[in-house]
Amino acid sequence: MYAAAPYRGATRAVASRAPAAGPRARLRAALLRQWRQAQRTAAMNVPAGTVKRGRA
């Protein structure tokens, strides 16, 4: 019979996670996100808040 563990074991699932961002990094990311969205909406001549983030 085959073992119940997945191929090469389950040890790699958690090891490659990025560390949690600090409060300053989160704030900076949020401000950059808002600024990029404002630039995108201005370029498309649409009201702010109507453009999706990333690749929609």
PDB file of N, CA and C in Angstrom:
ATOM      1  N   MET A   1       0.845  -1.206   0.000  1.00  0.00           N
ATOM      2  CA  MET A   1       0.000   0.000   0.000  1.00  0.00           C
ATOM      3  C   MET A   1       0.877   1.252   0.000  1.00  0.00           C
ATOM      4  N   TYR A   2       0.270   2.330  -0.445  1.00  0.00           N
ATOM      5  CA  TYR A   2       0.989   3.597  -0.494  1.00  0.00           C
ATOM      6  C   TYR A   2       0.827   4.361   0.816  1.00  0.00           C
ATOM      7  N   ALA A   3       1.814   5.187   1.132  1.00  0.00           N
ATOM      8  CA  ALA A   3       1.739   5.989   2.353  1.00  0.00           C
ATOM      9  C   ALA A   3       0.714   7.102   2.186  1.00  0.00           C
ATOM     10  N   ALA A   4       0.159   7.573   3.301  1.00  0.00           N
ATOM     11  CA  ALA A   4      -0.876   8.601   3.253  1.00  0.00           C
ATOM     12  C   ALA A   4      -0.290   9.992   3.042  1.00  0.00           C
ATOM     13  N   ALA A   5       1.019  10.146   3.271  1.00  0.00           N
ATOM     14  CA  ALA A   5       1.637  11.468   3.132  1.00  0.00           C
ATOM     15  C   ALA A   5       1.756  11.846   1.647  1.00  0.00           C
ATOM     16  N   PRO A   6       1.639  13.124   1.329  1.00  0.00           N
ATOM     17  CA  PRO A   6       1.793  13.547  -0.061  1.00  0.00           C
ATOM     18  C   PRO A   6       3.228  13.357  -0.549  1.00  0.00           C
ATOM     19  N   TYR A   7       3.427  13.549  -1.819  1.00  0.00           N
ATOM     20  CA  TYR A   7       4.746  13.383  -2.434  1.00  0.00           C
ATOM     21  C   TYR A   7       5.769  14.291  -1.756  1.00  0.00           C
ATOM     22  N   ARG A   8       6.896  13.747  -1.340  1.00  0.00           N
ATOM     23  CA  ARG A   8       7.975  14.433  -0.639  1.00  0.00           C
ATOM     24  C   ARG A   8       7.563  14.984   0.733  1.00  0.00           C
ATOM     25  N   GLY A   9       6.489  14.548   1.257  1.00  0.00           N
ATOM     26  CA  GLY A   9       6.076  14.974   2.590  1.00  0.00           C
ATOM     27  C   GLY A   9       5.412  16.344   2.576  1.00  0.00           C
ATOM     28  N   ALA A  10       4.929  16.771   3.726  1.00  0.00           N
ATOM     29  CA  ALA A  10       4.203  18.034   3.834  1.00  0.00           C
ATOM     30  C   ALA A  10       5.045  19.118   4.496  1.00  0.00           C
ATOM     31  N   THR A  11       6.360  18.948   4.514  1.00  0.00           N
ATOM     32  CA  THR A  11       7.200  19.910   5.233  1.00  0.00           C
ATOM     33  C   THR A  11       7.402  21.197   4.443  1.00  0.00           C
ATOM     34  N   ARG A  12       7.229  21.168   3.136  1.00  0.00           N
ATOM     35  CA  ARG A  12       7.486  22.362   2.331  1.00  0.00           C
ATOM     36  C   ARG A  12       6.313  23.325   2.306  1.00  0.00           C
ATOM     37  N   ALA A  13       5.163  22.930   2.807  1.00  0.00           N
ATOM     38  CA  ALA A  13       3.955  23.739   2.663  1.00  0.00           C
ATOM     39  C   ALA A  13       4.038  25.047   3.435  1.00  0.00           C
ATOM     40  N   VAL A  14       4.627  25.041   4.620  1.00  0.00           N
ATOM     41  CA  VAL A  14       4.617  26.229   5.467  1.00  0.00           C
ATOM     42  C   VAL A  14       5.951  26.958   5.426  1.00  0.00           C
ATOM     43  N   ALA A  15       7.007  26.292   5.011  1.00  0.00           N
ATOM     44  CA  ALA A  15       8.357  26.848   5.123  1.00  0.00           C
ATOM     45  C   ALA A  15       8.583  28.060   4.229  1.00  0.00           C
ATOM     46  N   SER A  16       7.888  28.163   3.094  1.00  0.00           N
ATOM     47  CA  SER A  16       8.210  29.216   2.134  1.00  0.00           C
ATOM     48  C   SER A  16       7.254  30.407   2.210  1.00  0.00           C
ATOM     49  N   ARG A  17       6.744  30.708   3.383  1.00  0.00           N
ATOM     50  CA  ARG A  17       5.842  31.853   3.518  1.00  0.00           C
ATOM     51  C   ARG A  17       6.632  33.109   3.823  1.00  0.00           C
ATOM     52  N   ALA A  18       6.167  34.233   3.306  1.00  0.00           N
ATOM     53  CA  ALA A  18       6.838  35.505   3.544  1.00  0.00           C
ATOM     54  C   ALA A  18       6.552  35.974   4.978  1.00  0.00           C
ATOM     55  N   PRO A  19       7.482  36.707   5.594  1.00  0.00           N
ATOM     56  CA  PRO A  19       7.221  37.219   6.941  1.00  0.00           C
ATOM     57  C   PRO A  19       6.117  38.279   6.927  1.00  0.00           C
ATOM     58  N   ALA A  20       5.428  38.409   8.027  1.00  0.00           N
ATOM     59  CA  ALA A  20       4.332  39.376   8.112  1.00  0.00           C
ATOM     60  C   ALA A  20       4.888  40.794   8.043  1.00  0.00           C
ATOM     61  N   ALA A  21       4.198  41.656   7.319  1.00  0.00           N
ATOM     62  CA  ALA A  21       4.643  43.037   7.154  1.00  0.00           C
ATOM     63  C   ALA A  21       4.355  43.843   8.421  1.00  0.00           C
ATOM     64  N   GLY A  22       5.233  44.781   8.725  1.00  0.00           N
ATOM     65  CA  GLY A  22       5.033  45.648   9.877  1.00  0.00           C
ATOM     66  C   GLY A  22       4.002  46.722   9.579  1.00  0.00           C
ATOM     67  N   PRO A  23       3.630  47.508  10.590  1.00  0.00           N
ATOM     68  CA  PRO A  23       2.601  48.534  10.396  1.00  0.00           C
ATOM     69  C   PRO A  23       3.012  49.604   9.385  1.00  0.00           C
ATOM     70  N   ARG A  24       4.294  49.999   9.402  1.00  0.00           N
ATOM     71  CA  ARG A  24       4.738  51.017   8.443  1.00  0.00           C
ATOM     72  C   ARG A  24       4.681  50.505   7.017  1.00  0.00           C
ATOM     73  N   ALA A  25       5.064  49.256   6.814  1.00  0.00           N
ATOM     74  CA  ALA A  25       5.027  48.670   5.478  1.00  0.00           C
ATOM     75  C   ALA A  25       3.589  48.543   4.981  1.00  0.00           C
ATOM     76  N   ARG A  26       2.672  48.169   5.899  1.00  0.00           N
ATOM     77  CA  ARG A  26       1.264  48.062   5.505  1.00  0.00           C
ATOM     78  C   ARG A  26       0.697  49.416   5.125  1.00  0.00           C
ATOM     79  N   LEU A  27       1.020  50.455   5.911  1.00  0.00           N
ATOM     80  CA  LEU A  27       0.538  51.801   5.615  1.00  0.00           C
ATOM     81  C   LEU A  27       1.086  52.291   4.288  1.00  0.00           C
ATOM     82  N   ARG A  28       2.380  52.056   4.064  1.00  0.00           N
ATOM     83  CA  ARG A  28       3.008  52.475   2.808  1.00  0.00           C
ATOM     84  C   ARG A  28       2.374  51.764   1.613  1.00  0.00           C
ATOM     85  N   ALA A  29       2.096  50.479   1.758  1.00  0.00           N
ATOM     86  CA  ALA A  29       1.468  49.726   0.676  1.00  0.00           C
ATOM     87  C   ALA A  29       0.064  50.252   0.389  1.00  0.00           C
ATOM     88  N   ALA A  30      -0.676  50.590   1.443  1.00  0.00           N
ATOM     89  CA  ALA A  30      -2.033  51.104   1.255  1.00  0.00           C
ATOM     90  C   ALA A  30      -2.011  52.456   0.559  1.00  0.00           C
ATOM     91  N   LEU A  31      -1.075  53.326   0.960  1.00  0.00           N
ATOM     92  CA  LEU A  31      -0.987  54.644   0.325  1.00  0.00           C
ATOM     93  C   LEU A  31      -0.563  54.530  -1.128  1.00  0.00           C
ATOM     94  N   LEU A  32       0.394  53.641  -1.406  1.00  0.00           N
ATOM     95  CA  LEU A  32       0.810  53.439  -2.797  1.00  0.00           C
ATOM     96  C   LEU A  32      -0.335  52.892  -3.638  1.00  0.00           C
ATOM     97  N   ARG A  33      -1.124  51.983  -3.053  1.00  0.00           N
ATOM     98  CA  ARG A  33      -2.259  51.409  -3.772  1.00  0.00           C
ATOM     99  C   ARG A  33      -3.268  52.502  -4.129  1.00  0.00           C
ATOM    100  N   GLN A  34      -3.555  53.372  -3.155  1.00  0.00           N
ATOM    101  CA  GLN A  34      -4.510  54.453  -3.418  1.00  0.00           C
ATOM    102  C   GLN A  34      -3.974  55.423  -4.461  1.00  0.00           C
ATOM    103  N   TRP A  35      -2.679  55.725  -4.397  1.00  0.00           N
ATOM    104  CA  TRP A  35      -2.098  56.657  -5.358  1.00  0.00           C
ATOM    105  C   TRP A  35      -2.136  56.078  -6.769  1.00  0.00           C
ATOM    106  N   ARG A  36      -1.804  54.788  -6.879  1.00  0.00           N
ATOM    107  CA  ARG A  36      -1.839  54.151  -8.200  1.00  0.00           C
ATOM    108  C   ARG A  36      -3.250  54.123  -8.753  1.00  0.00           C
ATOM    109  N   GLN A  37      -4.226  53.854  -7.883  1.00  0.00           N
ATOM    110  CA  GLN A  37      -5.614  53.833  -8.345  1.00  0.00           C
ATOM    111  C   GLN A  37      -6.050  55.228  -8.798  1.00  0.00           C
ATOM    112  N   ALA A  38      -5.618  56.266  -8.077  1.00  0.00           N
ATOM    113  CA  ALA A  38      -5.960  57.633  -8.474  1.00  0.00           C
ATOM    114  C   ALA A  38      -5.346  57.965  -9.827  1.00  0.00           C
ATOM    115  N   GLN A  39      -4.102  57.539 -10.059  1.00  0.00           N
ATOM    116  CA  GLN A  39      -3.471  57.785 -11.360  1.00  0.00           C
ATOM    117  C   GLN A  39      -4.222  57.072 -12.475  1.00  0.00           C
ATOM    118  N   ARG A  40      -4.629  55.824 -12.190  1.00  0.00           N
ATOM    119  CA  ARG A  40      -5.322  55.040 -13.206  1.00  0.00           C
ATOM    120  C   ARG A  40      -6.675  55.645 -13.556  1.00  0.00           C
ATOM    121  N   THR A  41      -7.418  56.076 -12.503  1.00  0.00           N
ATOM    122  CA  THR A  41      -8.733  56.660 -12.758  1.00  0.00           C
ATOM    123  C   THR A  41      -8.609  57.979 -13.498  1.00  0.00           C
ATOM    124  N   ALA A  42      -7.580  58.769 -13.163  1.00  0.00           N
ATOM    125  CA  ALA A  42      -7.384  60.039 -13.865  1.00  0.00           C
ATOM    126  C   ALA A  42      -7.037  59.801 -15.333  1.00  0.00           C
ATOM    127  N   ALA A  43      -6.243  58.795 -15.602  1.00  0.00           N
ATOM    128  CA  ALA A  43      -5.857  58.504 -16.977  1.00  0.00           C
ATOM    129  C   ALA A  43      -7.040  57.997 -17.793  1.00  0.00           C
ATOM    130  N   MET A  44      -7.977  57.319 -17.126  1.00  0.00           N
ATOM    131  CA  MET A  44      -9.124  56.759 -17.845  1.00  0.00           C
ATOM    132  C   MET A  44     -10.335  57.679 -17.821  1.00  0.00           C
ATOM    133  N   ASN A  45     -10.212  58.846 -17.168  1.00  0.00           N
ATOM    134  CA  ASN A  45     -11.315  59.807 -17.063  1.00  0.00           C
ATOM    135  C   ASN A  45     -12.571  59.184 -16.468  1.00  0.00           C
ATOM    136  N   VAL A  46     -12.408  58.437 -15.385  1.00  0.00           N
ATOM    137  CA  VAL A  46     -13.548  57.858 -14.677  1.00  0.00           C
ATOM    138  C   VAL A  46     -13.442  58.263 -13.212  1.00  0.00           C
ATOM    139  N   PRO A  47     -14.543  58.276 -12.465  1.00  0.00           N
ATOM    140  CA  PRO A  47     -14.482  58.643 -11.052  1.00  0.00           C
ATOM    141  C   PRO A  47     -13.624  57.664 -10.241  1.00  0.00           C
ATOM    142  N   ALA A  48     -13.006  58.167  -9.213  1.00  0.00           N
ATOM    143  CA  ALA A  48     -12.176  57.326  -8.348  1.00  0.00           C
ATOM    144  C   ALA A  48     -13.054  56.298  -7.627  1.00  0.00           C
ATOM    145  N   GLY A  49     -12.495  55.122  -7.393  1.00  0.00           N
ATOM    146  CA  GLY A  49     -13.228  54.072  -6.718  1.00  0.00           C
ATOM    147  C   GLY A  49     -13.955  53.137  -7.655  1.00  0.00           C
ATOM    148  N   THR A  50     -13.861  53.371  -8.955  1.00  0.00           N
ATOM    149  CA  THR A  50     -14.569  52.504  -9.900  1.00  0.00           C
ATOM    150  C   THR A  50     -13.623  51.602 -10.667  1.00  0.00           C
ATOM    151  N   VAL A  51     -12.316  51.739 -10.443  1.00  0.00           N
ATOM    152  CA  VAL A  51     -11.324  50.918 -11.150  1.00  0.00           C
ATOM    153  C   VAL A  51     -10.850  49.820 -10.211  1.00  0.00           C
ATOM    154  N   LYS A  52     -10.828  48.591 -10.701  1.00  0.00           N
ATOM    155  CA  LYS A  52     -10.383  47.471  -9.873  1.00  0.00           C
ATOM    156  C   LYS A  52      -8.863  47.490  -9.757  1.00  0.00           C
ATOM    157  N   ARG A  53      -8.379  46.945  -8.635  1.00  0.00           N
ATOM    158  CA  ARG A  53      -6.943  46.867  -8.421  1.00  0.00           C
ATOM    159  C   ARG A  53      -6.352  45.682  -9.170  1.00  0.00           C
ATOM    160  N   GLY A  54      -5.122  45.828  -9.584  1.00  0.00           N
ATOM    161  CA  GLY A  54      -4.421  44.726 -10.234  1.00  0.00           C
ATOM    162  C   GLY A  54      -5.002  44.413 -11.600  1.00  0.00           C
ATOM    163  N   ARG A  55      -4.888  43.162 -11.975  1.00  0.00           N
ATOM    164  CA  ARG A  55      -5.412  42.732 -13.275  1.00  0.00           C
ATOM    165  C   ARG A  55      -6.817  42.220 -13.107  1.00  0.00           C
ATOM    166  N   ALA A  56      -7.797  43.006 -13.460  1.00  0.00           N
ATOM    167  CA  ALA A  56      -9.188  42.608 -13.276  1.00  0.00           C
ATOM    168  C   ALA A  56      -9.674  41.810 -14.473  1.00  0.00           C
TER     169      ALA A  56
END
